[in-house]
Amino acid sequence: MSFRDKGVRKACWDSRDRYWACLDLPGIQRDHCLELRRLYELACPGHWVKHFDRKRQYMEFQERIHSTTGASHTVVVPRP
């Protein structure tokens, strides 16, 4: 299976997006999304799944940081 093929990449991204959309539903338990997770893992190479999972975790982390710090708190990074 060649993942350089546009159709195969699109199928992978679409399955990832459907799985993520399920996870984003309000009040949904992750168990309800297991079948979509299985399809996502079948459609994408393992290293892509790992990359996308890490990307989602990072995006969730950023969202938590932005929602807890609020607009009035600014993070200042010292210059070297």
N, C-alpha and C. Protein backbone atom coordinates (compact mmCIF):
# COMPACT_ATOMS: atom_id res chain seq x y z
N MET A 1 0.85 -1.18 0.00
CA MET A 1 0.00 0.00 0.00
C MET A 1 0.89 1.24 0.00
N SER A 2 0.71 2.08 -0.99
CA SER A 2 1.52 3.29 -1.10
C SER A 2 0.78 4.46 -0.47
N PHE A 3 1.37 5.06 0.54
CA PHE A 3 0.73 6.18 1.22
C PHE A 3 1.07 7.51 0.56
N ARG A 4 1.80 7.43 -0.55
CA ARG A 4 2.06 8.64 -1.32
C ARG A 4 0.88 8.96 -2.22
N ASP A 5 0.01 7.99 -2.40
CA ASP A 5 -1.17 8.15 -3.24
C ASP A 5 -2.16 9.10 -2.57
N LYS A 6 -2.62 10.08 -3.32
CA LYS A 6 -3.51 11.11 -2.78
C LYS A 6 -4.79 10.51 -2.19
N GLY A 7 -5.38 9.53 -2.86
CA GLY A 7 -6.61 8.92 -2.38
C GLY A 7 -6.43 8.20 -1.05
N VAL A 8 -5.29 7.54 -0.89
CA VAL A 8 -5.01 6.82 0.36
C VAL A 8 -4.78 7.81 1.49
N ARG A 9 -4.06 8.89 1.20
CA ARG A 9 -3.85 9.92 2.23
C ARG A 9 -5.18 10.53 2.64
N LYS A 10 -6.03 10.82 1.66
CA LYS A 10 -7.33 11.41 1.97
C LYS A 10 -8.17 10.47 2.82
N ALA A 11 -8.15 9.18 2.52
CA ALA A 11 -8.90 8.20 3.32
C ALA A 11 -8.39 8.19 4.75
N CYS A 12 -7.09 8.28 4.92
CA CYS A 12 -6.50 8.33 6.26
C CYS A 12 -6.97 9.58 7.00
N TRP A 13 -6.84 10.73 6.36
CA TRP A 13 -7.23 11.99 7.00
C TRP A 13 -8.72 12.02 7.32
N ASP A 14 -9.53 11.49 6.41
CA ASP A 14 -10.98 11.46 6.65
C ASP A 14 -11.32 10.58 7.84
N SER A 15 -10.66 9.42 7.94
CA SER A 15 -10.95 8.54 9.08
C SER A 15 -10.47 9.17 10.39
N ARG A 16 -9.33 9.86 10.33
CA ARG A 16 -8.85 10.58 11.52
C ARG A 16 -9.85 11.66 11.92
N ASP A 17 -10.34 12.42 10.95
CA ASP A 17 -11.27 13.51 11.24
C ASP A 17 -12.59 12.99 11.81
N ARG A 18 -13.08 11.86 11.31
CA ARG A 18 -14.32 11.27 11.85
C ARG A 18 -14.10 10.82 13.30
N TYR A 19 -12.95 10.21 13.56
CA TYR A 19 -12.64 9.77 14.93
C TYR A 19 -12.54 10.98 15.86
N TRP A 20 -11.81 12.01 15.45
CA TRP A 20 -11.67 13.20 16.28
C TRP A 20 -13.01 13.89 16.49
N ALA A 21 -13.86 13.91 15.48
CA ALA A 21 -15.18 14.53 15.62
C ALA A 21 -16.00 13.77 16.66
N CYS A 22 -15.87 12.46 16.68
CA CYS A 22 -16.58 11.67 17.70
C CYS A 22 -16.07 12.04 19.09
N LEU A 23 -14.77 12.15 19.24
CA LEU A 23 -14.19 12.51 20.54
C LEU A 23 -14.61 13.90 21.00
N ASP A 24 -14.89 14.79 20.04
CA ASP A 24 -15.26 16.17 20.36
C ASP A 24 -16.73 16.34 20.72
N LEU A 25 -17.53 15.31 20.52
CA LEU A 25 -18.96 15.43 20.85
C LEU A 25 -19.13 15.65 22.34
N PRO A 26 -20.00 16.57 22.74
CA PRO A 26 -20.19 16.83 24.17
C PRO A 26 -20.78 15.62 24.88
N GLY A 27 -20.20 15.29 26.02
CA GLY A 27 -20.71 14.21 26.85
C GLY A 27 -20.47 12.81 26.32
N ILE A 28 -19.63 12.67 25.29
CA ILE A 28 -19.40 11.35 24.71
C ILE A 28 -18.30 10.63 25.48
N GLN A 29 -18.48 9.35 25.66
CA GLN A 29 -17.46 8.51 26.26
C GLN A 29 -16.56 7.99 25.15
N ARG A 30 -15.28 7.88 25.40
CA ARG A 30 -14.34 7.41 24.38
C ARG A 30 -14.71 6.01 23.88
N ASP A 31 -15.36 5.21 24.72
CA ASP A 31 -15.75 3.86 24.32
C ASP A 31 -16.69 3.88 23.11
N HIS A 32 -17.47 4.94 22.97
CA HIS A 32 -18.41 5.05 21.86
C HIS A 32 -17.68 5.28 20.53
N CYS A 33 -16.43 5.65 20.60
CA CYS A 33 -15.66 5.97 19.40
C CYS A 33 -14.68 4.86 19.01
N LEU A 34 -14.75 3.72 19.69
CA LEU A 34 -13.77 2.66 19.45
C LEU A 34 -13.79 2.13 18.03
N GLU A 35 -14.96 1.99 17.44
CA GLU A 35 -15.03 1.50 16.06
C GLU A 35 -14.39 2.50 15.10
N LEU A 36 -14.62 3.78 15.32
CA LEU A 36 -13.98 4.80 14.49
C LEU A 36 -12.47 4.79 14.69
N ARG A 37 -12.03 4.53 15.91
CA ARG A 37 -10.59 4.42 16.19
C ARG A 37 -9.99 3.25 15.42
N ARG A 38 -10.70 2.13 15.40
CA ARG A 38 -10.22 0.95 14.69
C ARG A 38 -10.09 1.25 13.19
N LEU A 39 -11.09 1.90 12.62
CA LEU A 39 -11.05 2.25 11.20
C LEU A 39 -9.92 3.24 10.90
N TYR A 40 -9.70 4.17 11.81
CA TYR A 40 -8.61 5.14 11.69
C TYR A 40 -7.26 4.42 11.67
N GLU A 41 -7.09 3.46 12.57
CA GLU A 41 -5.83 2.72 12.62
C GLU A 41 -5.64 1.84 11.38
N LEU A 42 -6.72 1.35 10.80
CA LEU A 42 -6.62 0.56 9.57
C LEU A 42 -6.30 1.42 8.36
N ALA A 43 -6.80 2.64 8.33
CA ALA A 43 -6.64 3.52 7.17
C ALA A 43 -5.30 4.23 7.13
N CYS A 44 -4.64 4.35 8.28
CA CYS A 44 -3.40 5.13 8.36
C CYS A 44 -2.22 4.26 8.78
N PRO A 45 -1.02 4.58 8.29
CA PRO A 45 0.17 3.88 8.78
C PRO A 45 0.34 4.15 10.28
N GLY A 46 0.93 3.21 10.97
CA GLY A 46 1.10 3.32 12.42
C GLY A 46 1.82 4.57 12.85
N HIS A 47 2.87 4.95 12.12
CA HIS A 47 3.61 6.15 12.53
C HIS A 47 2.80 7.42 12.30
N TRP A 48 1.86 7.40 11.36
CA TRP A 48 0.97 8.54 11.18
C TRP A 48 0.00 8.63 12.35
N VAL A 49 -0.54 7.47 12.75
CA VAL A 49 -1.48 7.44 13.88
C VAL A 49 -0.80 8.01 15.12
N LYS A 50 0.43 7.56 15.35
CA LYS A 50 1.19 8.05 16.51
C LYS A 50 1.38 9.57 16.42
N HIS A 51 1.74 10.05 15.23
CA HIS A 51 1.93 11.50 15.04
C HIS A 51 0.63 12.26 15.28
N PHE A 52 -0.47 11.79 14.67
CA PHE A 52 -1.75 12.49 14.82
C PHE A 52 -2.23 12.46 16.27
N ASP A 53 -2.01 11.33 16.96
CA ASP A 53 -2.41 11.25 18.37
C ASP A 53 -1.64 12.26 19.21
N ARG A 54 -0.35 12.36 18.96
CA ARG A 54 0.46 13.34 19.70
C ARG A 54 0.02 14.77 19.37
N LYS A 55 -0.28 15.00 18.10
CA LYS A 55 -0.73 16.33 17.68
C LYS A 55 -2.02 16.70 18.40
N ARG A 56 -2.96 15.77 18.49
CA ARG A 56 -4.23 16.03 19.17
C ARG A 56 -3.99 16.31 20.66
N GLN A 57 -3.14 15.51 21.29
CA GLN A 57 -2.84 15.73 22.71
C GLN A 57 -2.24 17.12 22.92
N TYR A 58 -1.36 17.54 22.01
CA TYR A 58 -0.75 18.86 22.14
C TYR A 58 -1.79 19.96 21.94
N MET A 59 -2.68 19.78 20.96
CA MET A 59 -3.73 20.77 20.73
C MET A 59 -4.66 20.86 21.94
N GLU A 60 -4.98 19.73 22.57
CA GLU A 60 -5.81 19.74 23.77
C GLU A 60 -5.09 20.44 24.91
N PHE A 61 -3.78 20.19 25.04
CA PHE A 61 -2.97 20.85 26.06
C PHE A 61 -2.99 22.37 25.85
N GLN A 62 -2.78 22.80 24.60
CA GLN A 62 -2.81 24.24 24.31
C GLN A 62 -4.17 24.84 24.66
N GLU A 63 -5.23 24.14 24.35
CA GLU A 63 -6.58 24.63 24.65
C GLU A 63 -6.78 24.79 26.16
N ARG A 64 -6.31 23.81 26.93
CA ARG A 64 -6.43 23.91 28.39
C ARG A 64 -5.63 25.09 28.92
N ILE A 65 -4.43 25.28 28.39
CA ILE A 65 -3.58 26.40 28.83
C ILE A 65 -4.26 27.73 28.52
N HIS A 66 -4.77 27.87 27.31
CA HIS A 66 -5.40 29.13 26.91
C HIS A 66 -6.70 29.38 27.67
N SER A 67 -7.42 28.33 28.00
CA SER A 67 -8.69 28.53 28.70
C SER A 67 -8.47 28.81 30.18
N THR A 68 -7.34 28.38 30.76
CA THR A 68 -7.10 28.63 32.18
C THR A 68 -6.35 29.92 32.42
N THR A 69 -5.54 30.36 31.46
CA THR A 69 -4.76 31.57 31.69
C THR A 69 -5.58 32.82 31.45
N GLY A 70 -6.54 32.76 30.56
CA GLY A 70 -7.37 33.93 30.28
C GLY A 70 -6.60 34.99 29.51
N ALA A 71 -7.29 36.01 29.11
CA ALA A 71 -6.68 37.06 28.30
C ALA A 71 -5.81 38.00 29.12
N SER A 72 -6.05 38.08 30.44
CA SER A 72 -5.32 39.05 31.25
C SER A 72 -3.93 38.56 31.65
N HIS A 73 -3.65 37.30 31.46
CA HIS A 73 -2.36 36.75 31.83
C HIS A 73 -1.51 36.58 30.58
N THR A 74 -0.34 37.16 30.61
CA THR A 74 0.56 37.05 29.48
C THR A 74 1.80 36.31 29.93
N VAL A 75 2.22 35.36 29.14
CA VAL A 75 3.44 34.63 29.44
C VAL A 75 4.59 35.37 28.79
N VAL A 76 5.58 35.71 29.59
CA VAL A 76 6.75 36.42 29.08
C VAL A 76 7.92 35.47 29.10
N VAL A 77 8.53 35.30 27.95
CA VAL A 77 9.70 34.43 27.85
C VAL A 77 10.93 35.32 27.92
N PRO A 78 11.82 35.06 28.88
CA PRO A 78 13.01 35.90 29.00
C PRO A 78 13.93 35.70 27.80
N ARG A 79 14.58 36.78 27.42
CA ARG A 79 15.53 36.71 26.32
C ARG A 79 16.86 36.21 26.85
N PRO A 80 17.56 35.45 26.03
CA PRO A 80 18.88 34.94 26.48
C PRO A 80 19.93 36.02 26.54
